[in-house]
């Protein structure tokens, strides 16, 4: 199967079977999503969703977050991975949003990555989820799944994978494709034991094709 055909097959499958794929993080506005995504680094969405309600109640907007102290915020983040760094990042993030962005979450990757705790992946998530910009956040799931299926070729870094995916996925579907690949990696194409027998992408998957040939 040629690369173009593989992409089309994957897009057709997910369009039919996961037309409304979206983030599993719970949020009501761009500020809440930004906080949740920063907290989600190397942590499960489930754990983040259990943690954020208390944070949002105590700090409902960038202004209140900018005034938080480490001693006040840390107990609310204690159950999250790397709580020390994330507490500092959120306080710094709140201050910068107030000082440089008038209390609003910016909607460009270039501006977002200036915020403490926000890298390219997080910036891509925010802009694609909130504004449906054609930005592809490549986390471990997206990196693994896209390589296994054969959507990316010899992509040794997340940025290389991002560029290949952006090049081959229609711009109006990129924001949705991000969730397709993440959720597929989270529930079907698992890292150690992919559930190939349950997968609807067998016909388009390079990994599955190789497994069949080994039998």
N, C-alpha and C. Protein backbone atom coordinates (compact mmCIF):
# COMPACT_ATOMS: atom_id res chain seq x y z
N UNK A 1 0.84 -1.21 0.00
CA UNK A 1 0.00 0.00 0.00
C UNK A 1 0.88 1.25 0.00
N UNK A 2 0.58 2.15 -0.89
CA UNK A 2 1.34 3.39 -0.97
C UNK A 2 0.97 4.30 0.20
N UNK A 3 1.87 5.24 0.49
CA UNK A 3 1.67 6.12 1.64
C UNK A 3 0.35 6.89 1.53
N UNK A 4 0.07 7.44 0.38
CA UNK A 4 -1.16 8.21 0.19
C UNK A 4 -2.38 7.34 0.42
N UNK A 5 -2.33 6.11 -0.04
CA UNK A 5 -3.45 5.18 0.14
C UNK A 5 -3.61 4.82 1.62
N UNK A 6 -2.49 4.66 2.31
CA UNK A 6 -2.52 4.32 3.73
C UNK A 6 -3.18 5.45 4.53
N UNK A 7 -2.78 6.67 4.25
CA UNK A 7 -3.38 7.81 4.94
C UNK A 7 -4.88 7.88 4.68
N UNK A 8 -5.27 7.68 3.43
CA UNK A 8 -6.69 7.75 3.10
C UNK A 8 -7.48 6.66 3.80
N UNK A 9 -6.90 5.47 3.88
CA UNK A 9 -7.57 4.36 4.55
C UNK A 9 -7.76 4.65 6.04
N UNK A 10 -6.74 5.22 6.65
CA UNK A 10 -6.81 5.56 8.08
C UNK A 10 -7.84 6.66 8.31
N UNK A 11 -7.81 7.68 7.48
CA UNK A 11 -8.76 8.78 7.60
C UNK A 11 -10.20 8.28 7.41
N UNK A 12 -10.40 7.41 6.43
CA UNK A 12 -11.74 6.87 6.18
C UNK A 12 -12.24 6.07 7.38
N UNK A 13 -11.35 5.28 7.95
CA UNK A 13 -11.74 4.45 9.10
C UNK A 13 -12.15 5.31 10.29
N UNK A 14 -11.30 6.25 10.65
CA UNK A 14 -11.60 7.06 11.83
C UNK A 14 -12.79 8.01 11.58
N UNK A 15 -12.92 8.51 10.37
CA UNK A 15 -14.05 9.38 10.06
C UNK A 15 -15.37 8.64 10.26
N UNK A 16 -15.36 7.34 9.96
CA UNK A 16 -16.57 6.53 10.11
C UNK A 16 -16.78 6.05 11.54
N UNK A 17 -15.68 5.75 12.24
CA UNK A 17 -15.79 5.11 13.55
C UNK A 17 -15.53 6.01 14.74
N UNK A 18 -14.92 7.17 14.51
CA UNK A 18 -14.65 8.10 15.61
C UNK A 18 -14.82 9.54 15.12
N UNK A 19 -16.00 9.86 14.56
CA UNK A 19 -16.19 11.19 13.95
C UNK A 19 -16.14 12.34 14.95
N UNK A 20 -16.40 12.05 16.21
CA UNK A 20 -16.45 13.11 17.22
C UNK A 20 -15.34 12.99 18.26
N UNK A 21 -14.22 12.45 17.86
CA UNK A 21 -13.09 12.27 18.79
C UNK A 21 -12.66 13.62 19.36
N UNK A 22 -12.41 13.65 20.65
CA UNK A 22 -12.00 14.89 21.31
C UNK A 22 -11.17 14.57 22.55
N UNK A 23 -10.58 15.60 23.14
CA UNK A 23 -9.76 15.40 24.32
C UNK A 23 -10.57 14.83 25.47
N UNK A 24 -9.94 14.02 26.31
CA UNK A 24 -10.61 13.47 27.48
C UNK A 24 -10.39 14.35 28.71
N UNK A 25 -9.62 15.41 28.57
CA UNK A 25 -9.46 16.37 29.65
C UNK A 25 -10.74 17.20 29.79
N UNK A 26 -11.13 17.46 31.02
CA UNK A 26 -12.36 18.22 31.27
C UNK A 26 -12.01 19.69 31.48
N UNK A 27 -12.73 20.57 30.77
CA UNK A 27 -12.44 22.00 30.87
C UNK A 27 -13.65 22.79 30.39
N UNK A 28 -13.73 24.05 30.78
CA UNK A 28 -14.83 24.92 30.36
C UNK A 28 -14.38 26.10 29.51
N UNK A 29 -13.08 26.38 29.50
CA UNK A 29 -12.57 27.54 28.77
C UNK A 29 -11.09 27.34 28.47
N UNK A 30 -10.49 28.19 27.64
CA UNK A 30 -9.08 28.03 27.27
C UNK A 30 -8.13 28.02 28.48
N UNK A 31 -8.40 28.84 29.47
CA UNK A 31 -7.56 28.87 30.67
C UNK A 31 -7.56 27.51 31.36
N UNK A 32 -8.72 26.93 31.53
CA UNK A 32 -8.81 25.63 32.21
C UNK A 32 -8.11 24.54 31.40
N UNK A 33 -8.27 24.58 30.08
CA UNK A 33 -7.59 23.57 29.25
C UNK A 33 -6.08 23.73 29.36
N UNK A 34 -5.61 24.96 29.35
CA UNK A 34 -4.17 25.20 29.46
C UNK A 34 -3.62 24.62 30.75
N UNK A 35 -4.29 24.88 31.86
CA UNK A 35 -3.86 24.34 33.16
C UNK A 35 -3.88 22.81 33.12
N UNK A 36 -4.94 22.24 32.57
CA UNK A 36 -5.07 20.78 32.52
C UNK A 36 -3.98 20.14 31.67
N UNK A 37 -3.67 20.76 30.54
CA UNK A 37 -2.65 20.17 29.65
C UNK A 37 -1.27 20.26 30.29
N UNK A 38 -0.98 21.37 30.96
CA UNK A 38 0.31 21.48 31.66
C UNK A 38 0.42 20.40 32.72
N UNK A 39 -0.66 20.15 33.44
CA UNK A 39 -0.64 19.12 34.48
C UNK A 39 -0.56 17.71 33.90
N UNK A 40 -1.02 17.53 32.66
CA UNK A 40 -1.11 16.19 32.08
C UNK A 40 0.22 15.62 31.60
N UNK A 41 1.26 16.43 31.59
CA UNK A 41 2.57 15.94 31.15
C UNK A 41 3.01 14.76 32.02
N UNK A 42 3.23 13.60 31.39
CA UNK A 42 3.64 12.38 32.08
C UNK A 42 2.67 12.01 33.21
N UNK A 43 1.40 12.26 32.96
CA UNK A 43 0.36 11.93 33.93
C UNK A 43 -0.90 11.57 33.15
N UNK A 44 -1.76 10.76 33.70
CA UNK A 44 -2.96 10.35 33.00
C UNK A 44 -4.04 11.43 33.03
N UNK A 45 -4.84 11.47 31.99
CA UNK A 45 -5.95 12.41 31.94
C UNK A 45 -6.92 12.15 33.09
N UNK A 46 -7.09 10.90 33.45
CA UNK A 46 -7.99 10.55 34.54
C UNK A 46 -7.55 11.20 35.85
N UNK A 47 -6.28 11.13 36.14
CA UNK A 47 -5.75 11.73 37.36
C UNK A 47 -5.88 13.24 37.31
N UNK A 48 -5.60 13.82 36.16
CA UNK A 48 -5.73 15.28 36.01
C UNK A 48 -7.17 15.72 36.25
N UNK A 49 -8.12 14.97 35.69
CA UNK A 49 -9.52 15.33 35.84
C UNK A 49 -10.01 15.22 37.29
N UNK A 50 -9.35 14.38 38.07
CA UNK A 50 -9.69 14.28 39.49
C UNK A 50 -9.10 15.45 40.28
N UNK A 51 -8.07 16.05 39.73
CA UNK A 51 -7.32 17.09 40.44
C UNK A 51 -7.78 18.51 40.11
N UNK A 52 -8.16 18.74 38.87
CA UNK A 52 -8.43 20.12 38.43
C UNK A 52 -9.64 20.80 39.06
N UNK A 53 -10.73 20.09 39.42
CA UNK A 53 -11.87 20.81 39.99
C UNK A 53 -11.51 21.68 41.19
N UNK A 54 -10.69 21.18 42.09
CA UNK A 54 -10.30 21.97 43.27
C UNK A 54 -9.43 23.15 42.86
N UNK A 55 -8.58 22.95 41.86
CA UNK A 55 -7.72 24.04 41.38
C UNK A 55 -8.57 25.14 40.75
N UNK A 56 -9.52 24.74 39.91
CA UNK A 56 -10.36 25.72 39.22
C UNK A 56 -11.27 26.46 40.20
N UNK A 57 -11.65 25.80 41.26
CA UNK A 57 -12.49 26.47 42.27
C UNK A 57 -11.68 27.52 43.02
N UNK A 58 -10.45 27.15 43.37
CA UNK A 58 -9.60 28.08 44.12
C UNK A 58 -9.01 29.17 43.23
N UNK A 59 -8.74 28.82 41.98
CA UNK A 59 -8.10 29.76 41.05
C UNK A 59 -8.87 29.73 39.73
N UNK A 60 -10.00 30.42 39.66
CA UNK A 60 -10.89 30.33 38.49
C UNK A 60 -10.42 31.06 37.24
N UNK A 61 -9.33 31.83 37.36
CA UNK A 61 -8.86 32.59 36.20
C UNK A 61 -7.38 32.92 36.36
N UNK A 62 -6.75 33.42 35.31
CA UNK A 62 -5.32 33.74 35.38
C UNK A 62 -4.96 34.72 36.50
N UNK A 63 -5.84 35.66 36.78
CA UNK A 63 -5.54 36.65 37.81
C UNK A 63 -5.38 36.01 39.18
N UNK A 64 -6.32 35.14 39.54
CA UNK A 64 -6.23 34.48 40.85
C UNK A 64 -5.03 33.52 40.88
N UNK A 65 -4.76 32.86 39.77
CA UNK A 65 -3.62 31.95 39.72
C UNK A 65 -2.31 32.72 39.87
N UNK A 66 -2.25 33.90 39.31
CA UNK A 66 -1.02 34.71 39.38
C UNK A 66 -0.72 35.15 40.81
N UNK A 67 -1.73 35.15 41.65
CA UNK A 67 -1.57 35.59 43.03
C UNK A 67 -1.36 34.42 43.99
N UNK A 68 -1.38 33.20 43.47
CA UNK A 68 -1.21 32.02 44.31
C UNK A 68 0.20 31.93 44.86
N UNK A 69 0.34 31.34 46.02
CA UNK A 69 1.65 31.04 46.57
C UNK A 69 1.92 29.55 46.40
N UNK A 70 3.17 29.18 46.43
CA UNK A 70 3.54 27.77 46.29
C UNK A 70 2.87 26.94 47.38
N UNK A 71 2.87 27.46 48.61
CA UNK A 71 2.32 26.74 49.75
C UNK A 71 0.81 26.51 49.62
N UNK A 72 0.13 27.43 48.93
CA UNK A 72 -1.31 27.29 48.74
C UNK A 72 -1.65 26.33 47.61
N UNK A 73 -0.90 26.42 46.52
CA UNK A 73 -1.23 25.64 45.32
C UNK A 73 -0.71 24.20 45.38
N UNK A 74 0.46 24.02 45.97
CA UNK A 74 1.09 22.70 45.96
C UNK A 74 0.18 21.58 46.49
N UNK A 75 -0.52 21.77 47.61
CA UNK A 75 -1.37 20.68 48.12
C UNK A 75 -2.43 20.22 47.12
N UNK A 76 -2.86 21.10 46.24
CA UNK A 76 -3.88 20.75 45.26
C UNK A 76 -3.29 19.95 44.10
N UNK A 77 -1.97 20.00 43.96
CA UNK A 77 -1.29 19.34 42.83
C UNK A 77 -0.47 18.13 43.31
N UNK A 78 -0.46 17.91 44.59
CA UNK A 78 0.42 16.89 45.18
C UNK A 78 0.28 15.52 44.52
N UNK A 79 -0.92 15.15 44.10
CA UNK A 79 -1.16 13.81 43.55
C UNK A 79 -0.72 13.68 42.09
N UNK A 80 -0.35 14.80 41.47
CA UNK A 80 0.08 14.80 40.07
C UNK A 80 1.59 14.53 39.99
N UNK A 81 2.02 13.93 38.90
CA UNK A 81 3.46 13.72 38.72
C UNK A 81 4.20 15.05 38.67
N UNK A 82 5.40 15.08 39.23
CA UNK A 82 6.25 16.27 39.26
C UNK A 82 5.51 17.50 39.83
N UNK A 83 4.94 17.38 41.01
CA UNK A 83 4.12 18.47 41.56
C UNK A 83 4.91 19.74 41.85
N UNK A 84 6.17 19.62 42.26
CA UNK A 84 6.96 20.82 42.56
C UNK A 84 7.10 21.71 41.33
N UNK A 85 7.57 21.10 40.24
CA UNK A 85 7.78 21.87 39.02
C UNK A 85 6.47 22.41 38.46
N UNK A 86 5.43 21.60 38.49
CA UNK A 86 4.16 22.02 37.91
C UNK A 86 3.52 23.14 38.74
N UNK A 87 3.71 23.11 40.03
CA UNK A 87 3.20 24.20 40.87
C UNK A 87 3.88 25.51 40.48
N UNK A 88 5.20 25.46 40.34
CA UNK A 88 5.95 26.66 39.95
C UNK A 88 5.55 27.12 38.55
N UNK A 89 5.37 26.17 37.64
CA UNK A 89 4.99 26.51 36.27
C UNK A 89 3.64 27.21 36.23
N UNK A 90 2.66 26.69 36.96
CA UNK A 90 1.33 27.28 36.92
C UNK A 90 1.31 28.69 37.50
N UNK A 91 2.04 28.90 38.58
CA UNK A 91 2.10 30.25 39.15
C UNK A 91 2.77 31.20 38.17
N UNK A 92 3.87 30.76 37.57
CA UNK A 92 4.56 31.59 36.59
C UNK A 92 3.71 31.83 35.36
N UNK A 93 2.96 30.80 34.98
CA UNK A 93 2.06 30.91 33.83
C UNK A 93 0.99 31.96 34.09
N UNK A 94 0.41 31.92 35.29
CA UNK A 94 -0.61 32.90 35.65
C UNK A 94 -0.07 34.32 35.61
N UNK A 95 1.13 34.50 36.14
CA UNK A 95 1.74 35.83 36.16
C UNK A 95 2.00 36.34 34.75
N UNK A 96 2.51 35.47 33.87
CA UNK A 96 2.81 35.91 32.52
C UNK A 96 1.55 36.20 31.72
N UNK A 97 0.51 35.41 31.94
CA UNK A 97 -0.75 35.69 31.24
C UNK A 97 -1.27 37.08 31.61
N UNK A 98 -1.11 37.45 32.88
CA UNK A 98 -1.59 38.76 33.32
C UNK A 98 -0.67 39.88 32.83
N UNK A 99 0.62 39.66 32.90
CA UNK A 99 1.58 40.73 32.59
C UNK A 99 1.78 40.95 31.09
N UNK A 100 1.70 39.88 30.31
CA UNK A 100 2.01 40.01 28.88
C UNK A 100 0.83 39.77 27.93
N UNK A 101 -0.24 39.14 28.44
CA UNK A 101 -1.34 38.79 27.54
C UNK A 101 -2.70 39.25 28.06
N UNK A 102 -2.69 40.24 28.95
CA UNK A 102 -3.94 40.83 29.44
C UNK A 102 -4.91 39.80 30.02
N UNK A 103 -4.35 38.75 30.61
CA UNK A 103 -5.19 37.75 31.24
C UNK A 103 -5.87 36.78 30.29
N UNK A 104 -5.48 36.84 29.01
CA UNK A 104 -6.08 35.95 28.00
C UNK A 104 -5.06 34.91 27.55
N UNK A 105 -5.55 33.71 27.21
CA UNK A 105 -4.67 32.67 26.70
C UNK A 105 -4.40 32.96 25.23
N UNK A 106 -3.14 33.17 24.84
CA UNK A 106 -2.83 33.45 23.43
C UNK A 106 -3.14 32.25 22.56
N UNK A 107 -3.38 32.49 21.29
CA UNK A 107 -3.76 31.42 20.39
C UNK A 107 -2.79 31.21 19.25
N UNK A 108 -1.51 31.47 19.51
CA UNK A 108 -0.48 31.09 18.54
C UNK A 108 0.55 30.23 19.26
N UNK A 109 1.11 29.29 18.54
CA UNK A 109 2.12 28.41 19.13
C UNK A 109 3.31 29.23 19.60
N UNK A 110 3.69 30.23 18.82
CA UNK A 110 4.86 31.05 19.13
C UNK A 110 4.69 31.78 20.46
N UNK A 111 3.49 32.24 20.75
CA UNK A 111 3.25 32.94 22.02
C UNK A 111 3.08 31.97 23.17
N UNK A 112 2.40 30.88 22.93
CA UNK A 112 2.14 29.92 23.99
C UNK A 112 3.42 29.31 24.56
N UNK A 113 4.38 29.02 23.70
CA UNK A 113 5.61 28.38 24.18
C UNK A 113 6.45 29.31 25.05
N UNK A 114 6.08 30.58 25.13
CA UNK A 114 6.77 31.51 26.02
C UNK A 114 6.35 31.29 27.48
N UNK A 115 5.21 30.65 27.68
CA UNK A 115 4.68 30.44 29.02
C UNK A 115 5.41 29.33 29.75
N UNK A 116 5.63 29.47 31.05
CA UNK A 116 6.29 28.42 31.84
C UNK A 116 5.52 27.10 31.75
N UNK A 117 6.25 26.02 31.53
CA UNK A 117 5.63 24.70 31.47
C UNK A 117 4.95 24.37 30.16
N UNK A 118 5.04 25.27 29.19
CA UNK A 118 4.37 25.05 27.91
C UNK A 118 5.41 24.85 26.81
N UNK A 119 5.43 23.65 26.26
CA UNK A 119 6.30 23.35 25.13
C UNK A 119 5.48 23.29 23.85
N UNK A 120 6.11 22.87 22.79
CA UNK A 120 5.44 22.83 21.49
C UNK A 120 4.23 21.90 21.50
N UNK A 121 4.37 20.76 22.16
CA UNK A 121 3.26 19.80 22.20
C UNK A 121 2.04 20.41 22.87
N UNK A 122 2.24 21.04 24.02
CA UNK A 122 1.13 21.67 24.74
C UNK A 122 0.52 22.80 23.91
N UNK A 123 1.36 23.60 23.29
CA UNK A 123 0.87 24.71 22.45
C UNK A 123 0.05 24.18 21.29
N UNK A 124 0.48 23.09 20.70
CA UNK A 124 -0.27 22.50 19.60
C UNK A 124 -1.64 21.99 20.07
N UNK A 125 -1.67 21.41 21.27
CA UNK A 125 -2.94 20.94 21.82
C UNK A 125 -3.91 22.10 22.00
N UNK A 126 -3.45 23.16 22.64
CA UNK A 126 -4.31 24.30 22.92
C UNK A 126 -4.88 24.90 21.64
N UNK A 127 -4.03 25.16 20.67
CA UNK A 127 -4.47 25.81 19.44
C UNK A 127 -5.36 24.91 18.59
N UNK A 128 -5.11 23.62 18.62
CA UNK A 128 -5.92 22.71 17.80
C UNK A 128 -7.27 22.44 18.46
N UNK A 129 -7.29 22.29 19.78
CA UNK A 129 -8.55 21.99 20.47
C UNK A 129 -9.44 23.22 20.55
N UNK A 130 -8.89 24.35 20.96
CA UNK A 130 -9.69 25.56 21.14
C UNK A 130 -10.04 26.23 19.82
N UNK A 131 -9.07 26.32 18.94
CA UNK A 131 -9.23 27.11 17.72
C UNK A 131 -9.25 26.26 16.45
N UNK A 132 -9.14 24.94 16.62
CA UNK A 132 -9.12 24.01 15.48
C UNK A 132 -8.07 24.37 14.44
N UNK A 133 -6.95 24.91 14.90
CA UNK A 133 -5.85 25.19 13.99
C UNK A 133 -5.21 23.86 13.57
N UNK A 134 -4.66 23.78 12.36
CA UNK A 134 -4.07 22.53 11.86
C UNK A 134 -2.71 22.25 12.48
N UNK A 135 -2.68 22.10 13.80
CA UNK A 135 -1.45 21.82 14.53
C UNK A 135 -1.53 20.43 15.14
N UNK A 136 -0.49 19.65 14.99
CA UNK A 136 -0.47 18.26 15.45
C UNK A 136 0.43 18.10 16.67
N UNK A 137 -0.17 17.82 17.81
CA UNK A 137 0.61 17.56 19.02
C UNK A 137 1.05 16.10 19.01
N UNK A 138 2.34 15.87 19.03
CA UNK A 138 2.86 14.50 18.98
C UNK A 138 3.34 14.08 20.36
N UNK A 139 2.51 13.31 21.05
CA UNK A 139 2.91 12.74 22.34
C UNK A 139 3.39 11.32 22.09
N UNK A 140 3.59 10.55 23.14
CA UNK A 140 4.12 9.19 22.97
C UNK A 140 3.15 8.30 22.19
N UNK A 141 1.83 8.50 22.39
CA UNK A 141 0.84 7.70 21.68
C UNK A 141 0.87 8.00 20.19
N UNK A 142 0.82 9.27 19.85
CA UNK A 142 0.82 9.67 18.44
C UNK A 142 2.11 9.21 17.76
N UNK A 143 3.24 9.38 18.44
CA UNK A 143 4.53 9.00 17.88
C UNK A 143 4.57 7.50 17.60
N UNK A 144 4.11 6.70 18.56
CA UNK A 144 4.12 5.24 18.42
C UNK A 144 3.14 4.77 17.35
N UNK A 145 1.91 5.22 17.44
CA UNK A 145 0.86 4.74 16.54
C UNK A 145 1.14 5.12 15.09
N UNK A 146 1.55 6.36 14.86
CA UNK A 146 1.80 6.79 13.48
C UNK A 146 2.94 6.00 12.85
N UNK A 147 3.95 5.66 13.65
CA UNK A 147 5.07 4.87 13.14
C UNK A 147 4.65 3.43 12.88
N UNK A 148 3.89 2.84 13.80
CA UNK A 148 3.45 1.46 13.64
C UNK A 148 2.57 1.27 12.41
N UNK A 149 1.62 2.14 12.26
CA UNK A 149 0.71 2.03 11.12
C UNK A 149 1.47 2.23 9.81
N UNK A 150 2.46 3.12 9.86
CA UNK A 150 3.23 3.42 8.65
C UNK A 150 2.92 4.80 8.11
N UNK A 151 2.31 5.63 8.93
CA UNK A 151 2.01 7.00 8.51
C UNK A 151 3.26 7.86 8.50
N UNK A 152 4.17 7.54 9.41
CA UNK A 152 5.46 8.24 9.43
C UNK A 152 6.56 7.26 9.05
N UNK A 153 7.58 7.79 8.40
CA UNK A 153 8.68 6.94 7.91
C UNK A 153 10.00 7.49 8.43
N UNK A 154 10.67 6.70 9.23
CA UNK A 154 11.98 7.07 9.79
C UNK A 154 11.94 8.42 10.52
N UNK A 155 10.85 8.67 11.19
CA UNK A 155 10.74 9.88 12.00
C UNK A 155 11.31 9.58 13.37
N UNK A 156 12.47 10.13 13.67
CA UNK A 156 13.16 9.79 14.91
C UNK A 156 12.86 10.77 16.05
N UNK A 157 12.15 11.83 15.75
CA UNK A 157 11.79 12.82 16.77
C UNK A 157 10.32 13.19 16.63
N UNK A 158 9.70 13.68 17.71
CA UNK A 158 8.31 14.13 17.61
C UNK A 158 8.11 15.21 16.55
N UNK A 159 9.08 16.11 16.40
CA UNK A 159 8.95 17.17 15.40
C UNK A 159 8.95 16.60 14.00
N UNK A 160 9.79 15.61 13.76
CA UNK A 160 9.83 14.98 12.44
C UNK A 160 8.51 14.29 12.14
N UNK A 161 7.97 13.62 13.14
CA UNK A 161 6.67 12.96 12.97
C UNK A 161 5.57 13.99 12.72
N UNK A 162 5.61 15.07 13.48
CA UNK A 162 4.63 16.15 13.31
C UNK A 162 4.62 16.68 11.89
N UNK A 163 5.80 16.93 11.34
CA UNK A 163 5.91 17.48 9.99
C UNK A 163 5.34 16.53 8.95
N UNK A 164 5.61 15.22 9.10
CA UNK A 164 5.10 14.24 8.15
C UNK A 164 3.58 14.14 8.22
N UNK A 165 3.04 14.14 9.43
CA UNK A 165 1.60 14.03 9.61
C UNK A 165 0.88 15.26 9.05
N UNK A 166 1.43 16.43 9.35
CA UNK A 166 0.84 17.67 8.84
C UNK A 166 0.84 17.70 7.31
N UNK A 167 1.90 17.20 6.73
CA UNK A 167 2.05 17.20 5.28
C UNK A 167 1.01 16.32 4.59
N UNK A 168 0.62 15.23 5.25
CA UNK A 168 -0.20 14.22 4.58
C UNK A 168 -1.66 14.17 5.02
N UNK A 169 -2.01 14.91 6.07
CA UNK A 169 -3.39 14.94 6.54
C UNK A 169 -4.03 16.27 6.11
N UNK A 170 -5.21 16.24 5.53
CA UNK A 170 -5.87 17.49 5.13
C UNK A 170 -5.96 18.45 6.31
N UNK A 171 -5.71 19.73 6.05
CA UNK A 171 -5.63 20.73 7.12
C UNK A 171 -6.88 20.77 7.99
N UNK A 172 -8.03 20.55 7.39
CA UNK A 172 -9.28 20.64 8.15
C UNK A 172 -9.52 19.42 9.04
N UNK A 173 -8.66 18.41 8.93
CA UNK A 173 -8.81 17.21 9.74
C UNK A 173 -7.70 17.04 10.77
N UNK A 174 -6.68 17.86 10.70
CA UNK A 174 -5.52 17.69 11.58
C UNK A 174 -5.91 17.74 13.05
N UNK A 175 -6.74 18.71 13.43
CA UNK A 175 -7.11 18.85 14.83
C UNK A 175 -7.86 17.62 15.34
N UNK A 176 -8.58 16.95 14.45
CA UNK A 176 -9.32 15.76 14.83
C UNK A 176 -8.42 14.52 14.79
N UNK A 177 -7.52 14.48 13.81
CA UNK A 177 -6.60 13.35 13.66
C UNK A 177 -5.70 13.19 14.89
N UNK A 178 -5.38 14.31 15.51
CA UNK A 178 -4.60 14.29 16.74
C UNK A 178 -5.28 13.39 17.78
N UNK A 179 -6.58 13.56 17.94
CA UNK A 179 -7.32 12.76 18.93
C UNK A 179 -7.52 11.32 18.44
N UNK A 180 -7.70 11.14 17.15
CA UNK A 180 -7.81 9.79 16.62
C UNK A 180 -6.61 8.95 17.03
N UNK A 181 -5.42 9.50 16.80
CA UNK A 181 -4.20 8.74 17.05
C UNK A 181 -3.94 8.56 18.54
N UNK A 182 -4.21 9.59 19.34
CA UNK A 182 -4.01 9.48 20.79
C UNK A 182 -4.92 8.40 21.38
N UNK A 183 -6.20 8.48 21.07
CA UNK A 183 -7.15 7.54 21.65
C UNK A 183 -6.92 6.12 21.15
N UNK A 184 -6.50 5.99 19.89
CA UNK A 184 -6.19 4.66 19.36
C UNK A 184 -4.98 4.07 20.11
N UNK A 185 -4.00 4.91 20.40
CA UNK A 185 -2.84 4.44 21.14
C UNK A 185 -3.15 4.16 22.60
N UNK A 186 -4.10 4.88 23.15
CA UNK A 186 -4.45 4.73 24.56
C UNK A 186 -5.27 3.46 24.82
N UNK A 187 -6.11 3.08 23.86
CA UNK A 187 -7.04 1.98 24.11
C UNK A 187 -6.88 0.76 23.21
N UNK A 188 -6.22 0.90 22.07
CA UNK A 188 -6.09 -0.24 21.15
C UNK A 188 -4.64 -0.55 20.82
N UNK A 189 -3.93 0.42 20.28
CA UNK A 189 -2.54 0.19 19.87
C UNK A 189 -1.60 0.44 21.05
N UNK A 190 -1.71 -0.43 22.05
CA UNK A 190 -0.95 -0.27 23.28
C UNK A 190 0.54 -0.48 23.04
N UNK A 191 1.35 0.09 23.90
CA UNK A 191 2.80 0.07 23.71
C UNK A 191 3.36 -1.35 23.71
N UNK A 192 3.04 -2.12 24.73
CA UNK A 192 3.66 -3.46 24.86
C UNK A 192 2.87 -4.55 24.17
N UNK A 193 1.56 -4.48 24.26
CA UNK A 193 0.73 -5.53 23.66
C UNK A 193 -0.42 -4.91 22.88
N UNK A 194 -0.15 -4.46 21.67
CA UNK A 194 -1.23 -3.87 20.85
C UNK A 194 -2.33 -4.89 20.60
N UNK A 195 -3.57 -4.42 20.64
CA UNK A 195 -4.73 -5.30 20.47
C UNK A 195 -5.07 -5.44 18.99
N UNK A 196 -4.16 -6.05 18.26
CA UNK A 196 -4.31 -6.14 16.81
C UNK A 196 -5.58 -6.90 16.40
N UNK A 197 -5.95 -7.91 17.19
CA UNK A 197 -7.12 -8.72 16.83
C UNK A 197 -8.41 -7.91 16.92
N UNK A 198 -8.38 -6.82 17.70
CA UNK A 198 -9.58 -5.98 17.88
C UNK A 198 -9.53 -4.72 17.00
N UNK A 199 -8.45 -4.53 16.30
CA UNK A 199 -8.22 -3.27 15.60
C UNK A 199 -8.88 -3.24 14.22
N UNK A 200 -9.54 -2.14 13.94
CA UNK A 200 -10.19 -1.98 12.65
C UNK A 200 -9.28 -1.45 11.56
N UNK A 201 -7.99 -1.26 11.92
CA UNK A 201 -7.03 -0.73 10.94
C UNK A 201 -6.09 -1.80 10.40
N UNK A 202 -6.43 -3.04 10.58
CA UNK A 202 -5.57 -4.13 10.11
C UNK A 202 -5.25 -3.99 8.62
N UNK A 203 -6.23 -3.57 7.84
CA UNK A 203 -6.06 -3.49 6.39
C UNK A 203 -5.08 -2.40 5.96
N UNK A 204 -4.80 -1.45 6.88
CA UNK A 204 -3.94 -0.32 6.53
C UNK A 204 -2.67 -0.25 7.35
N UNK A 205 -2.48 -1.21 8.24
CA UNK A 205 -1.39 -1.14 9.20
C UNK A 205 -0.15 -1.92 8.77
N UNK A 206 0.95 -1.22 8.71
CA UNK A 206 2.22 -1.83 8.31
C UNK A 206 2.68 -2.85 9.35
N UNK A 207 2.49 -2.52 10.62
CA UNK A 207 2.89 -3.42 11.71
C UNK A 207 2.11 -4.73 11.63
N UNK A 208 0.80 -4.64 11.43
CA UNK A 208 -0.03 -5.84 11.35
C UNK A 208 0.37 -6.68 10.14
N UNK A 209 0.68 -6.04 9.05
CA UNK A 209 1.11 -6.73 7.84
C UNK A 209 2.39 -7.54 8.11
N UNK A 210 3.31 -6.96 8.85
CA UNK A 210 4.55 -7.66 9.18
C UNK A 210 4.28 -8.83 10.10
N UNK A 211 3.34 -8.67 11.04
CA UNK A 211 3.02 -9.75 11.96
C UNK A 211 2.42 -10.93 11.23
N UNK A 212 1.58 -10.64 10.25
CA UNK A 212 0.95 -11.70 9.46
C UNK A 212 2.01 -12.49 8.69
N UNK A 213 2.98 -11.78 8.13
CA UNK A 213 4.03 -12.43 7.33
C UNK A 213 4.91 -13.33 8.19
N UNK A 214 5.00 -13.04 9.48
CA UNK A 214 5.84 -13.84 10.38
C UNK A 214 5.21 -15.19 10.72
N UNK A 215 3.91 -15.29 10.53
CA UNK A 215 3.20 -16.51 10.92
C UNK A 215 3.40 -17.64 9.92
